[in-house]
Amino acid sequence: MTVSCREIAARLPLRILIASWAWIEAKIAGNERSAEVFKNFGLNTYESIIACRKIKGLTVLGSGGIRTGLDIEKVLNLGCSLAGIARPFLIAALESEEALDKLCRDLISELRIARFCQSPSSNV
């Protein structure tokens, strides 16, 4: 079942959709006061994932602060179908193609280790 962005927005508190962006945009603009004001506004990634999982038929993608293979495992463990990761790739891309290759190898290795070490009773 495909769910449109409008349907998602109608079902969720608006702050889930804009929480991190208000802080991110303020930081990018160099507006430290606004960044501080919106620092704790809305839901964090964990709370957003839990709220989204309550919507039947919705595919949940975990994103926001994902930096390592362990972070990827955590959102998958929370029930996400996918993990979104951007900042590490942007930083590596600015450095070199080799840095991108290394990041991919590191993420895969970290995710493999996290999946191997996780027992059924733990929430990594």
N, C-alpha and C. Protein backbone atom coordinates (compact mmCIF):
# COMPACT_ATOMS: atom_id res chain seq x y z
N MET A 1 0.85 -1.19 0.00
CA MET A 1 0.00 0.00 0.00
C MET A 1 0.89 1.24 0.00
N THR A 2 0.65 2.13 -0.93
CA THR A 2 1.40 3.37 -1.01
C THR A 2 0.64 4.46 -0.26
N VAL A 3 1.37 5.20 0.58
CA VAL A 3 0.77 6.28 1.36
C VAL A 3 1.44 7.57 0.93
N SER A 4 0.65 8.58 0.60
CA SER A 4 1.22 9.85 0.16
C SER A 4 1.72 10.68 1.34
N CYS A 5 2.56 11.64 1.03
CA CYS A 5 3.06 12.55 2.07
C CYS A 5 1.92 13.30 2.74
N ARG A 6 0.91 13.67 1.99
CA ARG A 6 -0.24 14.38 2.57
C ARG A 6 -0.98 13.50 3.57
N GLU A 7 -1.12 12.22 3.24
CA GLU A 7 -1.79 11.30 4.16
C GLU A 7 -0.98 11.14 5.45
N ILE A 8 0.34 11.05 5.29
CA ILE A 8 1.20 10.95 6.47
C ILE A 8 1.07 12.20 7.32
N ALA A 9 1.14 13.36 6.69
CA ALA A 9 1.05 14.62 7.41
C ALA A 9 -0.29 14.74 8.15
N ALA A 10 -1.36 14.23 7.53
CA ALA A 10 -2.68 14.31 8.17
C ALA A 10 -2.76 13.42 9.40
N ARG A 11 -1.98 12.36 9.43
CA ARG A 11 -2.04 11.39 10.53
C ARG A 11 -1.08 11.70 11.68
N LEU A 12 -0.05 12.48 11.42
CA LEU A 12 0.99 12.70 12.42
C LEU A 12 0.99 14.14 12.92
N PRO A 13 1.44 14.33 14.17
CA PRO A 13 1.62 15.70 14.63
C PRO A 13 2.63 16.38 13.72
N LEU A 14 2.38 17.63 13.34
CA LEU A 14 3.23 18.35 12.41
C LEU A 14 4.67 18.41 12.90
N ARG A 15 4.87 18.47 14.20
CA ARG A 15 6.22 18.61 14.72
C ARG A 15 7.12 17.44 14.35
N ILE A 16 6.57 16.28 14.09
CA ILE A 16 7.40 15.15 13.66
C ILE A 16 8.03 15.47 12.31
N LEU A 17 7.28 16.11 11.45
CA LEU A 17 7.77 16.36 10.10
C LEU A 17 8.77 17.51 10.04
N ILE A 18 8.73 18.43 10.99
CA ILE A 18 9.61 19.59 10.89
C ILE A 18 10.61 19.71 12.03
N ALA A 19 10.56 18.80 13.00
CA ALA A 19 11.37 18.94 14.21
C ALA A 19 12.83 19.21 13.93
N SER A 20 13.49 18.33 13.25
CA SER A 20 14.92 18.49 13.06
C SER A 20 15.25 19.56 12.03
N TRP A 21 14.36 19.81 11.10
CA TRP A 21 14.67 20.78 10.05
C TRP A 21 14.75 22.20 10.58
N ALA A 22 13.94 22.55 11.55
CA ALA A 22 14.03 23.90 12.12
C ALA A 22 15.41 24.13 12.72
N TRP A 23 15.90 23.15 13.45
CA TRP A 23 17.23 23.25 14.05
C TRP A 23 18.32 23.24 12.98
N ILE A 24 18.20 22.32 12.02
CA ILE A 24 19.20 22.20 10.95
C ILE A 24 19.30 23.49 10.15
N GLU A 25 18.16 24.02 9.74
CA GLU A 25 18.17 25.24 8.92
C GLU A 25 18.74 26.43 9.69
N ALA A 26 18.43 26.51 10.98
CA ALA A 26 18.98 27.59 11.80
C ALA A 26 20.50 27.46 11.91
N LYS A 27 20.99 26.23 12.09
CA LYS A 27 22.44 26.00 12.16
C LYS A 27 23.11 26.37 10.84
N ILE A 28 22.52 25.94 9.72
CA ILE A 28 23.09 26.24 8.41
C ILE A 28 23.15 27.75 8.18
N ALA A 29 22.11 28.44 8.61
CA ALA A 29 22.06 29.90 8.44
C ALA A 29 22.97 30.63 9.43
N GLY A 30 23.53 29.90 10.39
CA GLY A 30 24.39 30.54 11.38
C GLY A 30 23.63 31.28 12.46
N ASN A 31 22.34 30.97 12.58
CA ASN A 31 21.51 31.64 13.58
C ASN A 31 21.50 30.78 14.85
N GLU A 32 22.49 31.00 15.69
CA GLU A 32 22.66 30.18 16.89
C GLU A 32 21.49 30.33 17.87
N ARG A 33 20.92 31.53 17.95
CA ARG A 33 19.77 31.74 18.85
C ARG A 33 18.60 30.85 18.45
N SER A 34 18.23 30.88 17.17
CA SER A 34 17.11 30.04 16.71
C SER A 34 17.45 28.57 16.83
N ALA A 35 18.71 28.22 16.55
CA ALA A 35 19.12 26.82 16.68
C ALA A 35 18.92 26.37 18.12
N GLU A 36 19.28 27.20 19.08
CA GLU A 36 19.13 26.86 20.50
C GLU A 36 17.64 26.75 20.87
N VAL A 37 16.83 27.67 20.34
CA VAL A 37 15.39 27.67 20.63
C VAL A 37 14.75 26.36 20.15
N PHE A 38 15.14 25.88 18.97
CA PHE A 38 14.52 24.70 18.37
C PHE A 38 15.29 23.41 18.64
N LYS A 39 16.32 23.49 19.46
CA LYS A 39 17.17 22.33 19.73
C LYS A 39 16.38 21.13 20.24
N ASN A 40 15.46 21.32 21.13
CA ASN A 40 14.68 20.22 21.72
C ASN A 40 13.23 20.21 21.27
N PHE A 41 12.94 20.89 20.18
CA PHE A 41 11.57 20.97 19.68
C PHE A 41 11.22 19.70 18.92
N GLY A 42 10.04 19.19 19.15
CA GLY A 42 9.56 18.04 18.40
C GLY A 42 10.09 16.72 18.92
N LEU A 43 10.08 15.74 18.06
CA LEU A 43 10.47 14.38 18.42
C LEU A 43 11.85 14.06 17.87
N ASN A 44 12.61 13.28 18.62
CA ASN A 44 13.89 12.82 18.10
C ASN A 44 13.64 11.64 17.16
N THR A 45 14.70 11.12 16.57
CA THR A 45 14.57 10.03 15.60
C THR A 45 13.86 8.82 16.21
N TYR A 46 14.27 8.44 17.41
CA TYR A 46 13.66 7.28 18.07
C TYR A 46 12.16 7.48 18.25
N GLU A 47 11.76 8.62 18.81
CA GLU A 47 10.34 8.89 19.05
C GLU A 47 9.55 8.95 17.75
N SER A 48 10.15 9.51 16.70
CA SER A 48 9.49 9.59 15.41
C SER A 48 9.25 8.21 14.81
N ILE A 49 10.26 7.34 14.93
CA ILE A 49 10.12 5.98 14.40
C ILE A 49 9.00 5.25 15.13
N ILE A 50 8.98 5.33 16.44
CA ILE A 50 7.93 4.67 17.23
C ILE A 50 6.56 5.19 16.83
N ALA A 51 6.42 6.51 16.67
CA ALA A 51 5.12 7.09 16.28
C ALA A 51 4.71 6.63 14.88
N CYS A 52 5.65 6.61 13.95
CA CYS A 52 5.34 6.22 12.57
C CYS A 52 4.97 4.75 12.46
N ARG A 53 5.56 3.91 13.29
CA ARG A 53 5.27 2.47 13.23
C ARG A 53 3.83 2.18 13.61
N LYS A 54 3.17 3.10 14.26
CA LYS A 54 1.77 2.90 14.66
C LYS A 54 0.81 3.05 13.48
N ILE A 55 1.29 3.57 12.35
CA ILE A 55 0.44 3.77 11.19
C ILE A 55 0.50 2.50 10.34
N LYS A 56 -0.63 1.83 10.23
CA LYS A 56 -0.69 0.57 9.47
C LYS A 56 -0.42 0.85 7.99
N GLY A 57 0.38 -0.03 7.39
CA GLY A 57 0.65 0.07 5.96
C GLY A 57 1.73 1.07 5.59
N LEU A 58 2.35 1.69 6.56
CA LEU A 58 3.37 2.70 6.30
C LEU A 58 4.76 2.06 6.35
N THR A 59 5.55 2.26 5.32
CA THR A 59 6.94 1.84 5.33
C THR A 59 7.74 2.93 6.03
N VAL A 60 8.46 2.55 7.08
CA VAL A 60 9.19 3.54 7.88
C VAL A 60 10.66 3.50 7.52
N LEU A 61 11.20 4.69 7.25
CA LEU A 61 12.61 4.87 6.94
C LEU A 61 13.23 5.65 8.08
N GLY A 62 14.25 5.09 8.73
CA GLY A 62 14.90 5.77 9.85
C GLY A 62 15.99 6.69 9.35
N SER A 63 15.90 7.96 9.69
CA SER A 63 16.88 8.93 9.24
C SER A 63 16.97 10.05 10.27
N GLY A 64 18.10 10.68 10.29
CA GLY A 64 18.30 11.79 11.23
C GLY A 64 19.34 11.42 12.27
N GLY A 65 20.57 11.79 12.03
CA GLY A 65 21.63 11.47 12.98
C GLY A 65 22.28 10.12 12.76
N ILE A 66 21.95 9.46 11.67
CA ILE A 66 22.54 8.15 11.38
C ILE A 66 23.96 8.39 10.88
N ARG A 67 24.95 7.84 11.61
CA ARG A 67 26.35 8.09 11.26
C ARG A 67 27.18 6.82 11.11
N THR A 68 26.74 5.70 11.72
CA THR A 68 27.54 4.49 11.76
C THR A 68 26.69 3.27 11.41
N GLY A 69 27.39 2.15 11.21
CA GLY A 69 26.68 0.89 11.00
C GLY A 69 25.84 0.51 12.21
N LEU A 70 26.32 0.85 13.40
CA LEU A 70 25.54 0.58 14.61
C LEU A 70 24.26 1.41 14.63
N ASP A 71 24.33 2.66 14.18
CA ASP A 71 23.12 3.50 14.08
C ASP A 71 22.12 2.87 13.11
N ILE A 72 22.63 2.35 11.99
CA ILE A 72 21.76 1.69 11.01
C ILE A 72 21.07 0.50 11.65
N GLU A 73 21.83 -0.32 12.37
CA GLU A 73 21.25 -1.48 13.05
C GLU A 73 20.18 -1.06 14.05
N LYS A 74 20.41 0.02 14.76
CA LYS A 74 19.43 0.48 15.76
C LYS A 74 18.10 0.81 15.12
N VAL A 75 18.10 1.56 14.00
CA VAL A 75 16.81 1.91 13.38
C VAL A 75 16.16 0.69 12.74
N LEU A 76 16.96 -0.23 12.21
CA LEU A 76 16.38 -1.46 11.66
C LEU A 76 15.77 -2.29 12.79
N ASN A 77 16.44 -2.32 13.93
CA ASN A 77 15.95 -3.04 15.09
C ASN A 77 14.66 -2.44 15.64
N LEU A 78 14.48 -1.14 15.45
CA LEU A 78 13.24 -0.48 15.88
C LEU A 78 12.08 -0.76 14.93
N GLY A 79 12.37 -1.40 13.79
CA GLY A 79 11.30 -1.75 12.87
C GLY A 79 11.31 -1.00 11.55
N CYS A 80 12.33 -0.20 11.30
CA CYS A 80 12.41 0.50 10.01
C CYS A 80 12.77 -0.47 8.90
N SER A 81 12.29 -0.18 7.71
CA SER A 81 12.63 -0.99 6.55
C SER A 81 13.96 -0.56 5.95
N LEU A 82 14.29 0.71 6.12
CA LEU A 82 15.50 1.29 5.56
C LEU A 82 16.08 2.31 6.53
N ALA A 83 17.35 2.61 6.34
CA ALA A 83 17.99 3.69 7.10
C ALA A 83 18.53 4.72 6.12
N GLY A 84 18.30 5.98 6.41
CA GLY A 84 18.81 7.06 5.57
C GLY A 84 20.04 7.68 6.22
N ILE A 85 21.08 7.83 5.44
CA ILE A 85 22.33 8.37 5.97
C ILE A 85 22.90 9.33 4.93
N ALA A 86 23.13 10.58 5.32
CA ALA A 86 23.58 11.57 4.35
C ALA A 86 24.91 12.23 4.72
N ARG A 87 24.97 12.82 5.90
CA ARG A 87 26.13 13.65 6.26
C ARG A 87 27.46 12.94 6.07
N PRO A 88 27.63 11.72 6.57
CA PRO A 88 28.92 11.05 6.35
C PRO A 88 29.28 10.91 4.87
N PHE A 89 28.28 10.68 4.03
CA PHE A 89 28.54 10.55 2.59
C PHE A 89 28.93 11.89 1.98
N LEU A 90 28.28 12.95 2.41
CA LEU A 90 28.62 14.28 1.89
C LEU A 90 30.04 14.67 2.28
N ILE A 91 30.40 14.41 3.52
CA ILE A 91 31.75 14.73 3.99
C ILE A 91 32.79 13.92 3.22
N ALA A 92 32.54 12.62 3.07
CA ALA A 92 33.48 11.76 2.34
C ALA A 92 33.57 12.18 0.87
N ALA A 93 32.45 12.53 0.26
CA ALA A 93 32.44 12.93 -1.15
C ALA A 93 33.26 14.19 -1.38
N LEU A 94 33.25 15.09 -0.41
CA LEU A 94 34.05 16.30 -0.54
C LEU A 94 35.54 16.00 -0.44
N GLU A 95 35.86 14.90 0.21
CA GLU A 95 37.27 14.52 0.38
C GLU A 95 37.80 13.81 -0.87
N SER A 96 37.21 12.66 -1.22
CA SER A 96 37.70 11.91 -2.38
C SER A 96 36.82 10.69 -2.63
N GLU A 97 37.03 10.09 -3.79
CA GLU A 97 36.33 8.85 -4.12
C GLU A 97 36.80 7.73 -3.19
N GLU A 98 38.08 7.75 -2.84
CA GLU A 98 38.63 6.75 -1.93
C GLU A 98 37.98 6.86 -0.55
N ALA A 99 37.73 8.08 -0.11
CA ALA A 99 37.06 8.28 1.19
C ALA A 99 35.65 7.71 1.16
N LEU A 100 34.97 7.87 0.03
CA LEU A 100 33.63 7.27 -0.12
C LEU A 100 33.70 5.75 -0.06
N ASP A 101 34.67 5.18 -0.76
CA ASP A 101 34.83 3.72 -0.73
C ASP A 101 35.10 3.24 0.68
N LYS A 102 35.97 3.93 1.40
CA LYS A 102 36.29 3.54 2.77
C LYS A 102 35.07 3.66 3.67
N LEU A 103 34.31 4.73 3.52
CA LEU A 103 33.09 4.89 4.33
C LEU A 103 32.14 3.72 4.08
N CYS A 104 31.93 3.35 2.84
CA CYS A 104 31.04 2.23 2.53
C CYS A 104 31.54 0.94 3.17
N ARG A 105 32.83 0.68 3.04
CA ARG A 105 33.39 -0.54 3.65
C ARG A 105 33.23 -0.50 5.17
N ASP A 106 33.49 0.66 5.78
CA ASP A 106 33.36 0.79 7.24
C ASP A 106 31.92 0.57 7.69
N LEU A 107 30.97 1.19 6.98
CA LEU A 107 29.55 1.04 7.35
C LEU A 107 29.11 -0.42 7.25
N ILE A 108 29.51 -1.08 6.17
CA ILE A 108 29.15 -2.49 5.99
C ILE A 108 29.75 -3.34 7.11
N SER A 109 31.00 -3.09 7.42
CA SER A 109 31.66 -3.84 8.49
C SER A 109 30.99 -3.60 9.84
N GLU A 110 30.71 -2.35 10.15
CA GLU A 110 30.06 -2.02 11.43
C GLU A 110 28.69 -2.66 11.53
N LEU A 111 27.94 -2.61 10.43
CA LEU A 111 26.60 -3.21 10.42
C LEU A 111 26.68 -4.73 10.60
N ARG A 112 27.62 -5.36 9.93
CA ARG A 112 27.79 -6.81 10.09
C ARG A 112 28.12 -7.17 11.53
N ILE A 113 29.04 -6.41 12.13
CA ILE A 113 29.41 -6.68 13.53
C ILE A 113 28.21 -6.47 14.44
N ALA A 114 27.48 -5.38 14.25
CA ALA A 114 26.31 -5.10 15.09
C ALA A 114 25.26 -6.19 14.96
N ARG A 115 25.02 -6.66 13.74
CA ARG A 115 24.03 -7.71 13.53
C ARG A 115 24.49 -9.02 14.14
N PHE A 116 25.78 -9.31 14.04
CA PHE A 116 26.32 -10.53 14.61
C PHE A 116 26.24 -10.53 16.14
N CYS A 117 26.56 -9.38 16.73
CA CYS A 117 26.61 -9.28 18.20
C CYS A 117 25.25 -9.19 18.86
N GLN A 118 24.24 -8.82 18.09
CA GLN A 118 22.92 -8.63 18.69
C GLN A 118 22.26 -9.95 19.00
N SER A 119 21.84 -10.08 20.24
CA SER A 119 21.07 -11.26 20.64
C SER A 119 19.60 -10.91 20.51
N PRO A 120 18.72 -11.90 20.39
CA PRO A 120 17.29 -11.62 20.24
C PRO A 120 16.69 -10.82 21.38
N SER A 121 17.32 -10.85 22.54
CA SER A 121 16.73 -10.14 23.69
C SER A 121 17.27 -8.74 23.87
N SER A 122 18.21 -8.31 23.01
CA SER A 122 18.79 -6.99 23.21
C SER A 122 18.29 -6.00 22.18
N ASN A 123 18.30 -4.74 22.52
CA ASN A 123 18.02 -3.65 21.62
C ASN A 123 19.30 -2.84 21.48
N VAL A 124 20.09 -3.15 20.47
CA VAL A 124 21.40 -2.54 20.29
C VAL A 124 21.30 -1.04 20.27
